[in-house]
Structure formats: C-alpha cells, structure tokens
C-alpha cells in the first residue's frame, strides 16, 4: 500500500502513465534461462500492486519491455494476457532489439518514453535495471523512475 498511497498523494492532480518493465518486475528473471518467456513465474506481489494502481482513475498502466528477437513479442504478449488481464493489450509495448540492432535497451526505452512525453501530464517508469533507471533519469528528468523493489511494502 505504501507505493499506491505515494502515487495517490504525489500525483493526485495529474493524469499519469505508468510504464512497467516485464522481465524481473512482473515476471521472474531466471538467469539460467532468461529467454524462456512462456514459462516465467509471475511475481504476484508486484502484479497485485500494479493491478491496484490500475483502478485509480488518473492512472494508465502500460508495459514497456525489450526482447532480443521479434518472434518473442507474441510470446511475451501471451504471458501478459494470462497474468495481467487488467492491462489493456494496446498498452503493451514490446520492442525487439532485432528491429534496432545497434541500440541498447536503455536507448530503446529512452526513445520510446521521449515520444510519449508530449502526450501526457506525468510519466513513471518502474524497472529492475538500475542502469536503465539512471540513464532515463539523466536524459529525461521529467520522467519519475522507481526501482521495482521500492514499490513493494
């Protein structure tokens, strides 16, 4: 409830778009089999918090995830349909590195969020990768970033 209450208090007068990373945040990141998207264990605590946030009238929940191959996009979307049915599938943005072979994940997320800044009052990114969070905060100071562990009570 801590993070939910913080969002209510801090952003009560704003429309908010929350972008949540999938791997390591909503789905367990298995270091021994990181690309087995079909069988990832759902992180229920985080999913429950995101579900509660989705019920707030001024909040839109989005997924912002990166994958290595374009064929993984459908598998990730299938997983999201199964475990996060409260998220509108149109709000699931999965970007393939295969389509942008010279870009790093942090650059792909930065460019995506930059394109969304003009369309909303406030953007929040929730991710488990500190390098991505620092990169976004340094290059897009208007985006609020949260480490996934900071949203859990």
Protein backbone atom coordinates (compact mmCIF):
# COMPACT_ATOMS: atom_id res chain seq x y z
CA UNK A 1 0.00 0.00 0.00
CA UNK A 2 2.94 2.35 0.54
CA UNK A 3 3.62 2.96 -3.15
CA UNK A 4 -0.08 3.18 -4.01
CA UNK A 5 -0.55 5.82 -1.29
CA UNK A 6 2.50 7.72 -2.55
CA UNK A 7 1.08 7.78 -6.07
CA UNK A 8 -2.30 8.98 -4.78
CA UNK A 9 -0.67 11.73 -2.73
CA UNK A 10 2.07 12.88 -5.12
CA UNK A 11 0.14 12.70 -8.40
CA UNK A 12 -3.45 13.29 -7.31
CA UNK A 13 -3.91 16.23 -9.69
CA UNK A 14 -2.21 14.64 -12.70
CA UNK A 15 -3.03 12.12 -15.36
CA UNK A 16 -0.30 9.50 -15.03
CA UNK A 17 1.05 6.94 -17.43
CA UNK A 18 2.96 4.23 -15.60
CA UNK A 19 5.31 2.11 -17.73
CA UNK A 20 6.27 -1.19 -16.13
CA UNK A 21 9.09 -3.44 -17.27
CA UNK A 22 8.14 -7.09 -17.61
CA UNK A 23 11.24 -9.25 -17.09
CA UNK A 24 12.41 -9.12 -13.49
CA UNK A 25 9.45 -6.95 -12.44
CA UNK A 26 6.21 -8.74 -13.36
CA UNK A 27 7.87 -11.97 -14.47
CA UNK A 28 10.67 -13.69 -12.62
CA UNK A 29 14.03 -13.32 -14.34
CA UNK A 30 15.60 -16.76 -14.46
CA UNK A 31 19.32 -16.18 -15.00
CA UNK A 32 19.78 -19.76 -16.25
CA UNK A 33 17.03 -19.47 -18.85
CA UNK A 34 16.34 -15.77 -19.43
CA UNK A 35 14.65 -16.18 -22.82
CA UNK A 36 12.06 -18.75 -21.79
CA UNK A 37 9.29 -16.16 -21.79
CA UNK A 38 6.49 -18.71 -21.92
CA UNK A 39 7.36 -20.32 -18.57
CA UNK A 40 8.33 -17.33 -16.48
CA UNK A 41 6.91 -17.32 -12.98
CA UNK A 42 4.62 -14.33 -12.31
CA UNK A 43 5.75 -12.04 -9.47
CA UNK A 44 2.34 -11.88 -7.81
CA UNK A 45 3.19 -9.20 -5.25
CA UNK A 46 4.18 -6.73 -7.95
CA UNK A 47 1.29 -7.76 -10.21
CA UNK A 48 -1.16 -7.13 -7.35
CA UNK A 49 0.26 -3.66 -6.72
CA UNK A 50 0.10 -2.77 -10.41
CA UNK A 51 -3.46 -4.11 -10.52
CA UNK A 52 -4.45 -1.84 -7.62
CA UNK A 53 -2.82 1.14 -9.34
CA UNK A 54 -4.81 0.39 -12.49
CA UNK A 55 -8.02 1.03 -10.54
CA UNK A 56 -7.08 4.66 -9.91
CA UNK A 57 -8.99 6.99 -12.25
CA UNK A 58 -5.98 9.14 -13.13
CA UNK A 59 -3.62 6.21 -13.84
CA UNK A 60 -2.97 4.35 -17.09
CA UNK A 61 -0.87 1.18 -16.80
CA UNK A 62 1.44 0.28 -19.68
CA UNK A 63 4.07 -2.38 -20.25
CA UNK A 64 7.42 -1.33 -21.69
CA UNK A 65 9.61 -4.33 -22.34
CA UNK A 66 12.52 -5.23 -24.60
CA UNK A 67 13.20 -8.58 -26.21
CA UNK A 68 16.03 -9.92 -28.30
CA UNK A 69 14.03 -11.33 -31.21
CA UNK A 70 10.84 -10.18 -32.88
CA UNK A 71 9.31 -13.64 -32.50
CA UNK A 72 9.40 -13.16 -28.71
CA UNK A 73 6.91 -10.29 -28.86
CA UNK A 74 3.92 -12.58 -29.31
CA UNK A 75 5.12 -14.93 -26.56
CA UNK A 76 5.51 -12.03 -24.13
CA UNK A 77 2.07 -10.66 -25.03
CA UNK A 78 0.59 -14.11 -24.47
CA UNK A 79 2.18 -14.24 -21.00
CA UNK A 80 0.85 -10.76 -20.22
CA UNK A 81 -2.69 -11.73 -21.31
CA UNK A 82 -2.51 -14.72 -18.98
CA UNK A 83 -1.16 -12.98 -15.86
CA UNK A 84 -2.10 -9.31 -16.23
CA UNK A 85 -5.57 -9.39 -17.73
CA UNK A 86 -6.32 -5.99 -16.16
CA UNK A 87 -3.86 -4.32 -18.59
CA UNK A 88 -5.24 -3.30 -21.96
CA UNK A 89 -3.27 -5.18 -24.62
CA UNK A 90 -2.99 -1.96 -26.64
CA UNK A 91 -0.89 -0.63 -23.76
CA UNK A 92 1.70 -3.41 -24.00
CA UNK A 93 4.74 -2.06 -25.82
CA UNK A 94 7.34 -4.70 -26.52
CA UNK A 95 10.31 -3.59 -28.57
CA UNK A 96 12.55 -6.04 -30.38
CA UNK A 97 16.29 -5.42 -30.49
CA UNK A 98 16.23 -7.30 -33.77
CA UNK A 99 14.49 -4.27 -35.30
CA UNK A 100 17.06 -1.91 -33.75
CA UNK A 101 20.31 -3.92 -33.84
CA UNK A 102 22.59 -1.02 -32.90
CA UNK A 103 20.58 0.16 -29.89
CA UNK A 104 20.84 -0.84 -26.26
CA UNK A 105 17.77 -1.46 -24.11
CA UNK A 106 18.25 1.80 -22.25
CA UNK A 107 18.31 3.74 -25.53
CA UNK A 108 15.20 1.99 -26.82
CA UNK A 109 13.31 2.79 -23.63
CA UNK A 110 14.57 6.38 -23.64
CA UNK A 111 13.42 6.98 -27.21
CA UNK A 112 10.05 5.40 -26.55
CA UNK A 113 9.42 7.44 -23.39
CA UNK A 114 10.62 10.60 -25.09
CA UNK A 115 7.94 10.09 -27.75
CA UNK A 116 5.29 9.79 -25.01
CA UNK A 117 6.26 12.88 -23.02
CA UNK A 118 4.20 15.28 -25.07
CA UNK A 119 1.08 13.14 -24.79
CA UNK A 120 0.66 13.02 -21.03
CA UNK A 121 0.97 15.07 -17.87
CA UNK A 122 3.25 12.68 -15.99
CA UNK A 123 5.21 9.53 -16.78
CA UNK A 124 6.51 6.98 -14.28
CA UNK A 125 8.89 4.14 -15.20
CA UNK A 126 9.15 1.06 -12.98
CA UNK A 127 12.13 -1.15 -13.85
CA UNK A 128 14.56 -3.54 -12.18
CA UNK A 129 17.63 -2.40 -14.12
CA UNK A 130 19.49 0.38 -12.29
CA UNK A 131 21.48 1.28 -15.40
CA UNK A 132 18.25 1.91 -17.33
CA UNK A 133 16.74 3.88 -14.45
CA UNK A 134 19.82 6.13 -14.16
CA UNK A 135 20.01 6.62 -17.92
CA UNK A 136 16.33 7.61 -18.14
CA UNK A 137 16.57 9.95 -15.14
CA UNK A 138 19.71 11.64 -16.53
CA UNK A 139 18.25 12.09 -20.01
CA UNK A 140 14.56 12.60 -19.23
CA UNK A 141 14.35 14.39 -15.89
CA UNK A 142 10.57 14.83 -16.30
CA UNK A 143 10.10 11.07 -16.04
CA UNK A 144 9.93 9.72 -12.49
CA UNK A 145 11.76 6.41 -12.11
CA UNK A 146 11.26 3.72 -9.49
CA UNK A 147 13.26 0.58 -8.83
CA UNK A 148 10.78 -2.31 -8.72
CA UNK A 149 11.77 -3.19 -5.14
CA UNK A 150 10.73 0.30 -4.00
CA UNK A 151 7.08 -0.28 -4.86
CA UNK A 152 6.74 -3.35 -2.63
CA UNK A 153 5.72 -2.94 1.01
